[in-house]
Amino acid sequence: MSAKPSAREQHVEIPGMCFIRQPEGTRRCTLSAGHPGDHRHYYSGELRNGFRVGTSWPRRPRETQAD
């Protein structure tokens, strides 16, 4: 039998991955944690030469993975 935690977690960080949510969307950044520049989701967008071009969006102040 496992014990349940007594305090509820506010959010969980995924180590090694940025995972910031796109504003007004469900996509999350697939780049490594601490990357420079815009966020990017590589598995979305139109197909070009058989590959997805991805979606990108700018950084926002004080954003967290739990947004």
PDB file of N, CA and C in Angstrom:
ATOM      1  N   MET A   1       0.844  -1.175   0.000  1.00  0.00           N
ATOM      2  CA  MET A   1       0.000   0.000   0.000  1.00  0.00           C
ATOM      3  C   MET A   1       0.892   1.243   0.000  1.00  0.00           C
ATOM      4  N   SER A   2       0.608   2.181  -0.882  1.00  0.00           N
ATOM      5  CA  SER A   2       1.433   3.383  -0.947  1.00  0.00           C
ATOM      6  C   SER A   2       0.746   4.545  -0.232  1.00  0.00           C
ATOM      7  N   ALA A   3       1.562   5.394   0.352  1.00  0.00           N
ATOM      8  CA  ALA A   3       1.029   6.554   1.063  1.00  0.00           C
ATOM      9  C   ALA A   3       0.786   7.687   0.073  1.00  0.00           C
ATOM     10  N   LYS A   4      -0.307   8.402   0.257  1.00  0.00           N
ATOM     11  CA  LYS A   4      -0.606   9.553  -0.591  1.00  0.00           C
ATOM     12  C   LYS A   4       0.098  10.781  -0.022  1.00  0.00           C
ATOM     13  N   PRO A   5       0.587  11.667  -0.894  1.00  0.00           N
ATOM     14  CA  PRO A   5       1.222  12.884  -0.381  1.00  0.00           C
ATOM     15  C   PRO A   5       0.201  13.763   0.340  1.00  0.00           C
ATOM     16  N   SER A   6       0.636  14.412   1.400  1.00  0.00           N
ATOM     17  CA  SER A   6      -0.279  15.236   2.180  1.00  0.00           C
ATOM     18  C   SER A   6      -0.457  16.629   1.572  1.00  0.00           C
ATOM     19  N   ALA A   7       0.524  17.118   0.856  1.00  0.00           N
ATOM     20  CA  ALA A   7       0.437  18.444   0.242  1.00  0.00           C
ATOM     21  C   ALA A   7       0.229  18.288  -1.259  1.00  0.00           C
ATOM     22  N   ARG A   8      -0.686  19.059  -1.800  1.00  0.00           N
ATOM     23  CA  ARG A   8      -0.961  19.003  -3.236  1.00  0.00           C
ATOM     24  C   ARG A   8       0.090  19.806  -3.989  1.00  0.00           C
ATOM     25  N   GLU A   9       0.618  19.229  -5.061  1.00  0.00           N
ATOM     26  CA  GLU A   9       1.618  19.921  -5.881  1.00  0.00           C
ATOM     27  C   GLU A   9       0.946  21.045  -6.670  1.00  0.00           C
ATOM     28  N   GLN A  10       1.586  22.192  -6.772  1.00  0.00           N
ATOM     29  CA  GLN A  10       1.073  23.298  -7.572  1.00  0.00           C
ATOM     30  C   GLN A  10       1.237  23.008  -9.059  1.00  0.00           C
ATOM     31  N   HIS A  11       2.397  22.513  -9.432  1.00  0.00           N
ATOM     32  CA  HIS A  11       2.661  22.098 -10.810  1.00  0.00           C
ATOM     33  C   HIS A  11       3.888  21.218 -10.828  1.00  0.00           C
ATOM     34  N   VAL A  12       4.090  20.552 -11.924  1.00  0.00           N
ATOM     35  CA  VAL A  12       5.224  19.653 -12.073  1.00  0.00           C
ATOM     36  C   VAL A  12       6.097  20.150 -13.219  1.00  0.00           C
ATOM     37  N   GLU A  13       7.385  20.308 -12.970  1.00  0.00           N
ATOM     38  CA  GLU A  13       8.323  20.700 -14.020  1.00  0.00           C
ATOM     39  C   GLU A  13       8.817  19.451 -14.731  1.00  0.00           C
ATOM     40  N   ILE A  14       8.917  19.516 -16.053  1.00  0.00           N
ATOM     41  CA  ILE A  14       9.460  18.410 -16.826  1.00  0.00           C
ATOM     42  C   ILE A  14      10.922  18.745 -17.098  1.00  0.00           C
ATOM     43  N   PRO A  15      11.849  18.074 -16.423  1.00  0.00           N
ATOM     44  CA  PRO A  15      13.260  18.410 -16.573  1.00  0.00           C
ATOM     45  C   PRO A  15      13.764  18.153 -17.988  1.00  0.00           C
ATOM     46  N   GLY A  16      14.581  19.067 -18.469  1.00  0.00           N
ATOM     47  CA  GLY A  16      15.203  18.898 -19.774  1.00  0.00           C
ATOM     48  C   GLY A  16      14.364  19.347 -20.945  1.00  0.00           C
ATOM     49  N   MET A  17      13.112  19.745 -20.711  1.00  0.00           N
ATOM     50  CA  MET A  17      12.224  20.150 -21.793  1.00  0.00           C
ATOM     51  C   MET A  17      11.560  21.474 -21.445  1.00  0.00           C
ATOM     52  N   CYS A  18      11.432  22.370 -22.416  1.00  0.00           N
ATOM     53  CA  CYS A  18      10.810  23.673 -22.177  1.00  0.00           C
ATOM     54  C   CYS A  18       9.323  23.502 -21.826  1.00  0.00           C
ATOM     55  N   PHE A  19       8.529  22.919 -22.690  1.00  0.00           N
ATOM     56  CA  PHE A  19       7.134  22.540 -22.476  1.00  0.00           C
ATOM     57  C   PHE A  19       6.202  23.702 -22.138  1.00  0.00           C
ATOM     58  N   ILE A  20       6.544  24.949 -22.537  1.00  0.00           N
ATOM     59  CA  ILE A  20       5.674  26.104 -22.313  1.00  0.00           C
ATOM     60  C   ILE A  20       4.520  26.040 -23.308  1.00  0.00           C
ATOM     61  N   ARG A  21       3.297  26.293 -22.820  1.00  0.00           N
ATOM     62  CA  ARG A  21       2.103  26.224 -23.664  1.00  0.00           C
ATOM     63  C   ARG A  21       2.008  27.434 -24.604  1.00  0.00           C
ATOM     64  N   GLN A  22       1.532  27.179 -25.813  1.00  0.00           N
ATOM     65  CA  GLN A  22       1.265  28.247 -26.770  1.00  0.00           C
ATOM     66  C   GLN A  22       0.057  29.052 -26.271  1.00  0.00           C
ATOM     67  N   PRO A  23       0.117  30.393 -26.306  1.00  0.00           N
ATOM     68  CA  PRO A  23      -1.025  31.196 -25.838  1.00  0.00           C
ATOM     69  C   PRO A  23      -2.290  30.842 -26.617  1.00  0.00           C
ATOM     70  N   GLU A  24      -3.385  30.716 -25.914  1.00  0.00           N
ATOM     71  CA  GLU A  24      -4.691  30.411 -26.513  1.00  0.00           C
ATOM     72  C   GLU A  24      -4.676  29.122 -27.332  1.00  0.00           C
ATOM     73  N   GLY A  25      -3.812  28.177 -26.977  1.00  0.00           N
ATOM     74  CA  GLY A  25      -3.735  26.915 -27.699  1.00  0.00           C
ATOM     75  C   GLY A  25      -3.371  25.766 -26.778  1.00  0.00           C
ATOM     76  N   THR A  26      -3.208  24.596 -27.369  1.00  0.00           N
ATOM     77  CA  THR A  26      -2.874  23.410 -26.583  1.00  0.00           C
ATOM     78  C   THR A  26      -1.461  22.913 -26.864  1.00  0.00           C
ATOM     79  N   ARG A  27      -0.805  23.450 -27.879  1.00  0.00           N
ATOM     80  CA  ARG A  27       0.558  23.000 -28.200  1.00  0.00           C
ATOM     81  C   ARG A  27       1.526  23.468 -27.129  1.00  0.00           C
ATOM     82  N   ARG A  28       2.603  22.705 -26.956  1.00  0.00           N
ATOM     83  CA  ARG A  28       3.654  23.059 -25.997  1.00  0.00           C
ATOM     84  C   ARG A  28       5.005  23.023 -26.699  1.00  0.00           C
ATOM     85  N   CYS A  29       5.929  23.836 -26.225  1.00  0.00           N
ATOM     86  CA  CYS A  29       7.253  23.929 -26.819  1.00  0.00           C
ATOM     87  C   CYS A  29       7.995  22.594 -26.681  1.00  0.00           C
ATOM     88  N   THR A  30       8.582  22.137 -27.779  1.00  0.00           N
ATOM     89  CA  THR A  30       9.292  20.861 -27.785  1.00  0.00           C
ATOM     90  C   THR A  30      10.811  21.043 -27.763  1.00  0.00           C
ATOM     91  N   LEU A  31      11.272  22.268 -27.518  1.00  0.00           N
ATOM     92  CA  LEU A  31      12.712  22.529 -27.433  1.00  0.00           C
ATOM     93  C   LEU A  31      13.239  22.166 -26.044  1.00  0.00           C
ATOM     94  N   SER A  32      14.555  22.144 -25.913  1.00  0.00           N
ATOM     95  CA  SER A  32      15.157  21.831 -24.615  1.00  0.00           C
ATOM     96  C   SER A  32      14.975  22.998 -23.644  1.00  0.00           C
ATOM     97  N   ALA A  33      15.008  22.710 -22.370  1.00  0.00           N
ATOM     98  CA  ALA A  33      14.835  23.736 -21.339  1.00  0.00           C
ATOM     99  C   ALA A  33      15.925  24.792 -21.452  1.00  0.00           C
ATOM    100  N   GLY A  34      15.541  26.052 -21.245  1.00  0.00           N
ATOM    101  CA  GLY A  34      16.500  27.146 -21.261  1.00  0.00           C
ATOM    102  C   GLY A  34      16.948  27.576 -22.649  1.00  0.00           C
ATOM    103  N   HIS A  35      16.216  27.194 -23.686  1.00  0.00           N
ATOM    104  CA  HIS A  35      16.603  27.562 -25.060  1.00  0.00           C
ATOM    105  C   HIS A  35      16.477  29.070 -25.273  1.00  0.00           C
ATOM    106  N   PRO A  36      17.275  29.632 -26.171  1.00  0.00           N
ATOM    107  CA  PRO A  36      17.146  31.056 -26.491  1.00  0.00           C
ATOM    108  C   PRO A  36      16.062  31.269 -27.552  1.00  0.00           C
ATOM    109  N   GLY A  37      15.541  32.468 -27.636  1.00  0.00           N
ATOM    110  CA  GLY A  37      14.612  32.823 -28.709  1.00  0.00           C
ATOM    111  C   GLY A  37      13.192  32.313 -28.503  1.00  0.00           C
ATOM    112  N   ASP A  38      12.457  32.268 -29.622  1.00  0.00           N
ATOM    113  CA  ASP A  38      11.050  31.889 -29.606  1.00  0.00           C
ATOM    114  C   ASP A  38      10.849  30.422 -29.237  1.00  0.00           C
ATOM    115  N   HIS A  39       9.636  30.121 -28.780  1.00  0.00           N
ATOM    116  CA  HIS A  39       9.231  28.738 -28.518  1.00  0.00           C
ATOM    117  C   HIS A  39       8.861  28.089 -29.843  1.00  0.00           C
ATOM    118  N   ARG A  40       8.922  26.747 -29.882  1.00  0.00           N
ATOM    119  CA  ARG A  40       8.623  26.034 -31.123  1.00  0.00           C
ATOM    120  C   ARG A  40       8.036  24.662 -30.829  1.00  0.00           C
ATOM    121  N   HIS A  41       7.003  24.319 -31.576  1.00  0.00           N
ATOM    122  CA  HIS A  41       6.407  22.985 -31.536  1.00  0.00           C
ATOM    123  C   HIS A  41       6.661  22.378 -32.912  1.00  0.00           C
ATOM    124  N   TYR A  42       7.548  21.389 -32.971  1.00  0.00           N
ATOM    125  CA  TYR A  42       7.998  20.835 -34.247  1.00  0.00           C
ATOM    126  C   TYR A  42       7.015  19.874 -34.900  1.00  0.00           C
ATOM    127  N   TYR A  43       6.013  19.409 -34.186  1.00  0.00           N
ATOM    128  CA  TYR A  43       5.135  18.373 -34.724  1.00  0.00           C
ATOM    129  C   TYR A  43       3.800  18.925 -35.198  1.00  0.00           C
ATOM    130  N   SER A  44       3.782  20.181 -35.617  1.00  0.00           N
ATOM    131  CA  SER A  44       2.557  20.812 -36.105  1.00  0.00           C
ATOM    132  C   SER A  44       2.879  21.631 -37.348  1.00  0.00           C
ATOM    133  N   GLY A  45       1.865  22.241 -37.921  1.00  0.00           N
ATOM    134  CA  GLY A  45       2.058  23.065 -39.111  1.00  0.00           C
ATOM    135  C   GLY A  45       1.906  22.256 -40.383  1.00  0.00           C
ATOM    136  N   GLU A  46       2.085  22.934 -41.492  1.00  0.00           N
ATOM    137  CA  GLU A  46       1.906  22.291 -42.798  1.00  0.00           C
ATOM    138  C   GLU A  46       3.058  21.357 -43.140  1.00  0.00           C
ATOM    139  N   LEU A  47       2.805  20.484 -44.093  1.00  0.00           N
ATOM    140  CA  LEU A  47       3.844  19.566 -44.583  1.00  0.00           C
ATOM    141  C   LEU A  47       4.639  20.230 -45.703  1.00  0.00           C
ATOM    142  N   ARG A  48       5.962  20.112 -45.620  1.00  0.00           N
ATOM    143  CA  ARG A  48       6.859  20.568 -46.700  1.00  0.00           C
ATOM    144  C   ARG A  48       7.875  19.475 -46.938  1.00  0.00           C
ATOM    145  N   ASN A  49       7.900  18.954 -48.144  1.00  0.00           N
ATOM    146  CA  ASN A  49       8.821  17.868 -48.498  1.00  0.00           C
ATOM    147  C   ASN A  49       8.709  16.683 -47.534  1.00  0.00           C
ATOM    148  N   GLY A  50       7.487  16.404 -47.076  1.00  0.00           N
ATOM    149  CA  GLY A  50       7.264  15.268 -46.193  1.00  0.00           C
ATOM    150  C   GLY A  50       7.535  15.520 -44.727  1.00  0.00           C
ATOM    151  N   PHE A  51       7.865  16.769 -44.358  1.00  0.00           N
ATOM    152  CA  PHE A  51       8.156  17.109 -42.955  1.00  0.00           C
ATOM    153  C   PHE A  51       7.243  18.236 -42.496  1.00  0.00           C
ATOM    154  N   ARG A  52       6.863  18.213 -41.228  1.00  0.00           N
ATOM    155  CA  ARG A  52       6.086  19.309 -40.645  1.00  0.00           C
ATOM    156  C   ARG A  52       7.001  20.506 -40.433  1.00  0.00           C
ATOM    157  N   VAL A  53       6.508  21.702 -40.743  1.00  0.00           N
ATOM    158  CA  VAL A  53       7.336  22.908 -40.594  1.00  0.00           C
ATOM    159  C   VAL A  53       7.332  23.431 -39.163  1.00  0.00           C
ATOM    160  N   GLY A  54       6.352  23.008 -38.371  1.00  0.00           N
ATOM    161  CA  GLY A  54       6.304  23.436 -36.979  1.00  0.00           C
ATOM    162  C   GLY A  54       5.561  24.746 -36.789  1.00  0.00           C
ATOM    163  N   THR A  55       5.377  25.104 -35.540  1.00  0.00           N
ATOM    164  CA  THR A  55       4.707  26.335 -35.143  1.00  0.00           C
ATOM    165  C   THR A  55       5.603  27.031 -34.135  1.00  0.00           C
ATOM    166  N   SER A  56       5.702  28.347 -34.206  1.00  0.00           N
ATOM    167  CA  SER A  56       6.518  29.065 -33.223  1.00  0.00           C
ATOM    168  C   SER A  56       5.728  30.240 -32.659  1.00  0.00           C
ATOM    169  N   TRP A  57       6.107  30.684 -31.457  1.00  0.00           N
ATOM    170  CA  TRP A  57       5.483  31.827 -30.815  1.00  0.00           C
ATOM    171  C   TRP A  57       6.499  32.482 -29.896  1.00  0.00           C
ATOM    172  N   PRO A  58       6.333  33.797 -29.632  1.00  0.00           N
ATOM    173  CA  PRO A  58       7.321  34.531 -28.821  1.00  0.00           C
ATOM    174  C   PRO A  58       7.215  34.200 -27.335  1.00  0.00           C
ATOM    175  N   ARG A  59       8.308  34.458 -26.633  1.00  0.00           N
ATOM    176  CA  ARG A  59       8.338  34.292 -25.174  1.00  0.00           C
ATOM    177  C   ARG A  59       7.453  35.353 -24.528  1.00  0.00           C
ATOM    178  N   ARG A  60       6.899  35.016 -23.354  1.00  0.00           N
ATOM    179  CA  ARG A  60       6.118  35.955 -22.555  1.00  0.00           C
ATOM    180  C   ARG A  60       6.807  36.115 -21.206  1.00  0.00           C
ATOM    181  N   PRO A  61       6.640  37.249 -20.549  1.00  0.00           N
ATOM    182  CA  PRO A  61       7.256  37.422 -19.231  1.00  0.00           C
ATOM    183  C   PRO A  61       6.693  36.459 -18.195  1.00  0.00           C
ATOM    184  N   ARG A  62       7.526  35.925 -17.338  1.00  0.00           N
ATOM    185  CA  ARG A  62       7.151  35.083 -16.195  1.00  0.00           C
ATOM    186  C   ARG A  62       6.332  33.853 -16.560  1.00  0.00           C
ATOM    187  N   GLU A  63       6.559  33.257 -17.717  1.00  0.00           N
ATOM    188  CA  GLU A  63       5.807  32.060 -18.088  1.00  0.00           C
ATOM    189  C   GLU A  63       6.398  30.821 -17.427  1.00  0.00           C
ATOM    190  N   THR A  64       5.553  29.838 -17.146  1.00  0.00           N
ATOM    191  CA  THR A  64       5.985  28.586 -16.545  1.00  0.00           C
ATOM    192  C   THR A  64       5.362  27.417 -17.295  1.00  0.00           C
ATOM    193  N   GLN A  65       5.870  26.231 -17.090  1.00  0.00           N
ATOM    194  CA  GLN A  65       5.328  25.055 -17.757  1.00  0.00           C
ATOM    195  C   GLN A  65       3.869  24.809 -17.401  1.00  0.00           C
ATOM    196  N   ALA A  66       3.446  25.238 -16.237  1.00  0.00           N
ATOM    197  CA  ALA A  66       2.086  24.956 -15.774  1.00  0.00           C
ATOM    198  C   ALA A  66       1.048  25.909 -16.355  1.00  0.00           C
ATOM    199  N   ASP A  67       1.459  26.883 -17.147  1.00  0.00           N
ATOM    200  CA  ASP A  67       0.489  27.826 -17.737  1.00  0.00           C
ATOM    201  C   ASP A  67      -0.478  27.119 -18.642  1.00  0.00           C
TER     202      ASP A  67
END
